[in-house]
């Protein structure tokens, strides 16, 4: 599948099978993320990989989307490392690019994932549970695994509703 088709057909997957995802695959997912662009190449991301059922259970209590977390094979918590930050806006954008790389890689390998942001209301508690240093700030949790559902039909606003200027 070419990259444009991959981008257009990727969907958020919220239900997973019990089939495991190898540590090697999880490492490749993270590697895809770390190849995202960042301002001054500061690479402001850090990751926590969570597969432990007890820890997933604790994290699931911090979000409305607890069932997704409980049934995902793994979680990758993506953090902004404020100790290497030079411009918060640029660094947060870099984290978004990192997450998008990871989601595209996940999908391209026949896996499913969803980017969870609602959990950010409890970002300090997540950081504590993964024993992260205080210079890290949670940006998202990616729940992933082998899909137990197909993604829905996607739609996007057209150029007439999104492009407001051309000259």
Foldseek 3Di string as FASTA:
>chain_A
DDPVVLVQFAFAFQAADPDADDPVLVVVLQVLLQPFDAVVSLSQKDKDKDQDQVLLQVLLVLAPSSSSSNRFRIKIWIKGQQVSDDDVVRSLVSNVRSVVSSSSSQVVVQKHKDKDARSLVVQVVNCVSSVHDPSITTRTMIGIHHHPDGGDNDDDDDPVPPPDDDD
